[in-house]
Amino acid sequence: MLSRIIGWSGRNPFLVLLGTLFVVIAGVVAVIRTPLDALPDLSDVQVIVYTEYPGQAPQVVEDQVTYPLTTAMLAVPKSKVVRGFSFFGVSFVYVIFEDGTDIYWARTRVLEYLNFAASRLPKGVSPALGPDATGVGWVYQYALIGKGRTLAELRSIQDWYVRYQLTKAHGVAEVASIGGFVQTYQVTVDPVKLRAYGVALSRVTQVIRDSNRDVGGRVVEMAETEYMVRGKATCAAPPTSRVSW
């Protein structure tokens, strides 16, 4: 058989060269179109459900958040494994799907079941989906350093400026901030003085919430000119409170 192929090739050199040319062109096209990845993503198709429950112990988070979400995610179509992890003030639920499942289809189905399961969670607890990327997609890590800047200032720059610019880059699913100090406002209330002035603690909370809420207005017409009126609800803090950074 081999001798017959060699004999035929010797009698038809043009066809042999033409076939070789086709094979070379096909190989070049295949190399150009073949997707290459330095770190191929061999992980499972998974969707992460992240829930914050501030100030609660892991056992409370497990009973009131992780368990209801885990039992609800067991009914998601094409899901093969559901894993729940409870930590101090936070819950993670991993829904792992069968191989070949489209990640965006999986996220849509998890979101449908998540809307149903949210009614069984404590008031004020809102679960959210994690980014559409896996741990293998963690490709870059950087440190924000500024001379004469505190950790709180650097974290504010990261959260309000740098992160949004990097999120716009092509292929970026999430920019996670780690470290530093999140800038917050803390109001320390003296309950004895509140009682003396007859002010309830819920009133203080409502006043602080209203002071950060924009209030819409109407259009005022003066001298054939319309003015859009917008205001911000402000009020004085109780004399017994102290605002600190």
Protein backbone atom coordinates (compact mmCIF):
# COMPACT_ATOMS: atom_id res chain seq x y z
CA MET A 1 0.00 0.00 0.00
CA LEU A 2 2.79 2.39 0.95
CA SER A 3 4.75 1.63 -2.21
CA ARG A 4 1.69 2.35 -4.36
CA ILE A 5 1.23 5.78 -2.64
CA ILE A 6 4.89 6.63 -3.18
CA GLY A 7 4.65 5.56 -6.84
CA TRP A 8 1.51 7.64 -7.42
CA SER A 9 3.14 10.66 -5.77
CA GLY A 10 6.18 10.28 -8.03
CA ARG A 11 3.99 10.27 -11.12
CA ASN A 12 1.86 13.28 -9.98
CA PRO A 13 4.18 15.85 -8.40
CA PHE A 14 1.85 18.75 -9.21
CA LEU A 15 -1.06 17.23 -7.29
CA VAL A 16 1.21 16.48 -4.37
CA LEU A 17 2.48 20.07 -4.21
CA LEU A 18 -1.06 21.41 -4.57
CA GLY A 19 -2.30 19.21 -1.71
CA THR A 20 0.67 20.26 0.43
CA LEU A 21 -0.15 23.91 -0.23
CA PHE A 22 -3.78 23.39 0.87
CA VAL A 23 -2.64 21.65 4.06
CA VAL A 24 -0.22 24.48 4.90
CA ILE A 25 -2.88 27.16 4.32
CA ALA A 26 -5.40 25.26 6.44
CA GLY A 27 -2.83 24.95 9.25
CA VAL A 28 -2.06 28.68 9.19
CA VAL A 29 -5.77 29.57 9.29
CA ALA A 30 -6.31 27.14 12.18
CA VAL A 31 -3.44 28.65 14.17
CA ILE A 32 -4.75 32.19 13.64
CA ARG A 33 -8.33 31.34 14.63
CA THR A 34 -7.54 29.01 17.54
CA PRO A 35 -8.13 30.84 20.87
CA LEU A 36 -5.05 30.72 23.07
CA ASP A 37 -5.01 31.29 26.81
CA ALA A 38 -1.98 31.31 29.06
CA LEU A 39 -4.18 30.10 31.96
CA PRO A 40 -7.07 28.10 30.51
CA ASP A 41 -10.22 28.28 32.63
CA LEU A 42 -10.93 24.67 33.57
CA SER A 43 -13.18 25.52 36.52
CA ASP A 44 -16.83 24.61 36.79
CA VAL A 45 -19.66 26.83 35.60
CA GLN A 46 -20.73 28.47 38.84
CA VAL A 47 -22.78 31.38 40.11
CA ILE A 48 -22.03 32.99 43.46
CA VAL A 49 -24.76 34.48 45.65
CA TYR A 50 -23.32 37.03 48.08
CA THR A 51 -25.33 38.29 51.06
CA GLU A 52 -24.38 40.68 53.84
CA TYR A 53 -25.99 40.40 57.28
CA PRO A 54 -23.99 42.92 59.37
CA GLY A 55 -23.28 42.26 63.01
CA GLN A 56 -24.55 38.66 63.06
CA ALA A 57 -22.67 35.58 64.21
CA PRO A 58 -21.89 32.80 61.70
CA GLN A 59 -24.52 30.50 63.23
CA VAL A 60 -27.21 33.17 62.88
CA VAL A 61 -26.14 33.83 59.29
CA GLU A 62 -26.28 30.09 58.61
CA ASP A 63 -29.79 29.65 60.02
CA GLN A 64 -31.44 32.81 58.67
CA VAL A 65 -29.61 33.42 55.36
CA THR A 66 -27.44 30.58 54.08
CA TYR A 67 -29.87 27.73 54.72
CA PRO A 68 -32.92 29.38 53.05
CA LEU A 69 -30.83 30.36 50.02
CA THR A 70 -29.20 26.94 49.73
CA THR A 71 -32.50 25.07 49.83
CA ALA A 72 -33.97 27.41 47.21
CA MET A 73 -30.98 27.02 44.86
CA LEU A 74 -31.29 23.22 44.91
CA ALA A 75 -34.25 23.51 42.52
CA VAL A 76 -32.36 25.52 39.88
CA PRO A 77 -32.31 23.59 36.56
CA LYS A 78 -28.99 21.95 35.54
CA SER A 79 -27.43 22.63 38.95
CA LYS A 80 -25.42 19.69 40.25
CA VAL A 81 -23.88 21.04 43.47
CA VAL A 82 -24.94 23.81 45.88
CA ARG A 83 -22.50 24.85 48.59
CA GLY A 84 -23.13 27.37 51.34
CA PHE A 85 -20.57 29.11 53.55
CA SER A 86 -21.39 31.31 56.52
CA PHE A 87 -19.01 33.82 58.08
CA PHE A 88 -19.35 36.70 60.49
CA GLY A 89 -21.88 39.04 58.89
CA VAL A 90 -21.67 37.55 55.40
CA SER A 91 -22.94 34.50 53.49
CA PHE A 92 -21.73 32.85 50.27
CA VAL A 93 -23.73 30.32 48.25
CA TYR A 94 -22.03 28.62 45.28
CA VAL A 95 -24.30 27.08 42.65
CA ILE A 96 -22.29 24.77 40.37
CA PHE A 97 -23.87 23.77 37.05
CA GLU A 98 -23.36 20.92 34.63
CA ASP A 99 -20.57 21.16 32.07
CA GLY A 100 -21.48 23.09 28.94
CA THR A 101 -24.09 25.28 30.63
CA ASP A 102 -24.09 28.86 29.39
CA ILE A 103 -22.96 31.14 32.22
CA TYR A 104 -25.44 33.90 31.40
CA TRP A 105 -28.33 31.43 31.20
CA ALA A 106 -27.27 30.08 34.59
CA ARG A 107 -27.12 33.56 36.12
CA THR A 108 -30.60 34.33 34.80
CA ARG A 109 -32.10 31.20 36.33
CA VAL A 110 -30.36 31.78 39.66
CA LEU A 111 -31.71 35.33 39.70
CA GLU A 112 -35.25 34.05 39.14
CA TYR A 113 -35.04 31.68 42.10
CA LEU A 114 -33.25 34.33 44.15
CA ASN A 115 -36.19 36.71 43.82
CA PHE A 116 -38.43 34.01 45.26
CA ALA A 117 -36.04 33.14 48.10
CA ALA A 118 -35.51 36.78 49.09
CA SER A 119 -38.95 36.89 50.71
CA ARG A 120 -37.81 34.28 53.26
CA LEU A 121 -34.81 36.31 54.43
CA PRO A 122 -34.76 38.77 57.35
CA LYS A 123 -35.90 42.31 56.71
CA GLY A 124 -33.21 44.49 55.17
CA VAL A 125 -31.11 41.60 53.87
CA SER A 126 -30.61 41.75 50.09
CA PRO A 127 -28.67 38.95 48.34
CA ALA A 128 -26.76 39.77 45.17
CA LEU A 129 -25.03 37.82 42.40
CA GLY A 130 -21.28 37.75 42.21
CA PRO A 131 -19.35 38.78 39.07
CA ASP A 132 -19.56 36.63 35.94
CA ALA A 133 -15.98 35.42 36.36
CA THR A 134 -14.16 32.65 38.19
CA GLY A 135 -11.09 32.62 40.38
CA VAL A 136 -8.95 31.83 37.34
CA GLY A 137 -9.99 35.19 35.89
CA TRP A 138 -8.05 37.05 38.57
CA VAL A 139 -5.37 38.38 36.24
CA TYR A 140 -4.11 41.61 37.80
CA GLN A 141 -3.47 43.02 41.24
CA TYR A 142 -2.20 46.49 42.05
CA ALA A 143 -1.49 48.65 45.09
CA LEU A 144 -2.52 52.29 45.39
CA ILE A 145 0.23 54.29 47.11
CA GLY A 146 0.21 58.01 47.79
CA LYS A 147 2.78 60.03 49.68
CA GLY A 148 1.20 61.91 52.55
CA ARG A 149 -2.15 60.13 52.09
CA THR A 150 -3.87 58.18 54.83
CA LEU A 151 -5.35 54.72 54.28
CA ALA A 152 -8.85 56.20 54.39
CA GLU A 153 -7.98 58.73 51.66
CA LEU A 154 -6.41 56.05 49.48
CA ARG A 155 -9.45 53.81 49.87
CA SER A 156 -11.74 56.71 48.91
CA ILE A 157 -9.66 57.42 45.79
CA GLN A 158 -9.80 53.74 44.89
CA ASP A 159 -13.55 53.40 45.40
CA TRP A 160 -14.62 56.67 43.77
CA TYR A 161 -12.11 57.23 40.97
CA VAL A 162 -9.68 54.42 40.09
CA ARG A 163 -12.17 51.56 40.27
CA TYR A 164 -14.62 53.13 37.82
CA GLN A 165 -11.91 53.83 35.27
CA LEU A 166 -10.66 50.24 35.37
CA THR A 167 -14.19 48.83 35.18
CA LYS A 168 -14.60 50.45 31.76
CA ALA A 169 -11.71 48.41 30.34
CA HIS A 170 -12.63 45.68 27.87
CA GLY A 171 -13.13 42.24 29.43
CA VAL A 172 -13.13 43.43 33.06
CA ALA A 173 -15.92 41.81 35.09
CA GLU A 174 -15.14 43.24 38.52
CA VAL A 175 -12.64 45.41 40.35
CA ALA A 176 -12.57 44.36 44.00
CA SER A 177 -11.14 46.72 46.63
CA ILE A 178 -9.13 45.16 49.46
CA GLY A 179 -7.54 46.95 52.40
CA GLY A 180 -7.57 50.53 53.57
CA PHE A 181 -10.28 52.14 55.66
CA VAL A 182 -13.73 52.85 54.28
CA GLN A 183 -14.70 56.43 55.07
CA THR A 184 -17.79 56.49 57.28
CA TYR A 185 -19.71 58.88 59.49
CA GLN A 186 -20.29 57.81 63.08
CA VAL A 187 -22.83 59.46 65.34
CA THR A 188 -22.41 58.84 69.07
CA VAL A 189 -25.60 59.48 71.01
CA ASP A 190 -25.94 60.10 74.74
CA PRO A 191 -29.15 58.28 75.78
CA VAL A 192 -29.43 60.24 79.04
CA LYS A 193 -29.50 63.61 77.28
CA LEU A 194 -31.85 62.24 74.61
CA ARG A 195 -34.31 61.31 77.35
CA ALA A 196 -33.88 64.74 78.93
CA TYR A 197 -34.80 66.46 75.66
CA GLY A 198 -37.54 63.94 74.89
CA VAL A 199 -35.97 62.82 71.61
CA ALA A 200 -36.31 59.17 70.58
CA LEU A 201 -33.37 57.28 69.05
CA SER A 202 -35.51 56.42 66.03
CA ARG A 203 -36.00 60.17 65.48
CA VAL A 204 -32.23 60.69 65.34
CA THR A 205 -31.93 57.88 62.79
CA GLN A 206 -34.71 59.34 60.67
CA VAL A 207 -33.17 62.83 60.77
CA ILE A 208 -29.79 61.52 59.61
CA ARG A 209 -31.44 59.52 56.83
CA ASP A 210 -33.49 62.51 55.65
CA SER A 211 -30.48 64.84 55.67
CA ASN A 212 -28.83 62.72 52.93
CA ARG A 213 -31.90 62.47 50.71
CA ASP A 214 -32.43 64.70 47.70
CA VAL A 215 -35.94 66.13 47.45
CA GLY A 216 -37.47 67.01 44.11
CA GLY A 217 -39.25 70.26 43.46
CA ARG A 218 -41.49 71.95 40.92
CA VAL A 219 -40.97 74.47 38.18
CA VAL A 220 -41.41 78.08 39.28
CA GLU A 221 -42.29 80.60 36.57
CA MET A 222 -41.13 84.18 37.12
CA ALA A 223 -41.02 86.91 34.46
CA GLU A 224 -41.69 84.39 31.68
CA THR A 225 -38.73 82.31 32.86
CA GLU A 226 -38.99 78.84 34.34
CA TYR A 227 -36.78 77.84 37.26
CA MET A 228 -36.35 74.22 38.33
CA VAL A 229 -36.36 74.10 42.12
CA ARG A 230 -34.52 71.27 43.82
CA GLY A 231 -33.69 71.11 47.48
CA LYS A 232 -31.96 68.98 50.01
CA ALA A 233 -33.65 68.18 53.30
CA THR A 234 -31.45 69.46 56.11
CA CYS A 235 -31.94 69.84 59.78
CA ALA A 236 -29.78 70.47 62.80
CA ALA A 237 -28.39 67.48 64.62
CA PRO A 238 -29.56 66.99 68.20
CA PRO A 239 -27.41 68.90 70.68
CA THR A 240 -26.46 65.64 72.38
CA SER A 241 -24.87 64.01 69.33
CA ARG A 242 -21.23 64.02 68.25
CA VAL A 243 -20.05 63.43 64.71
CA SER A 244 -16.61 61.88 64.31
CA TRP A 245 -14.57 60.39 61.47
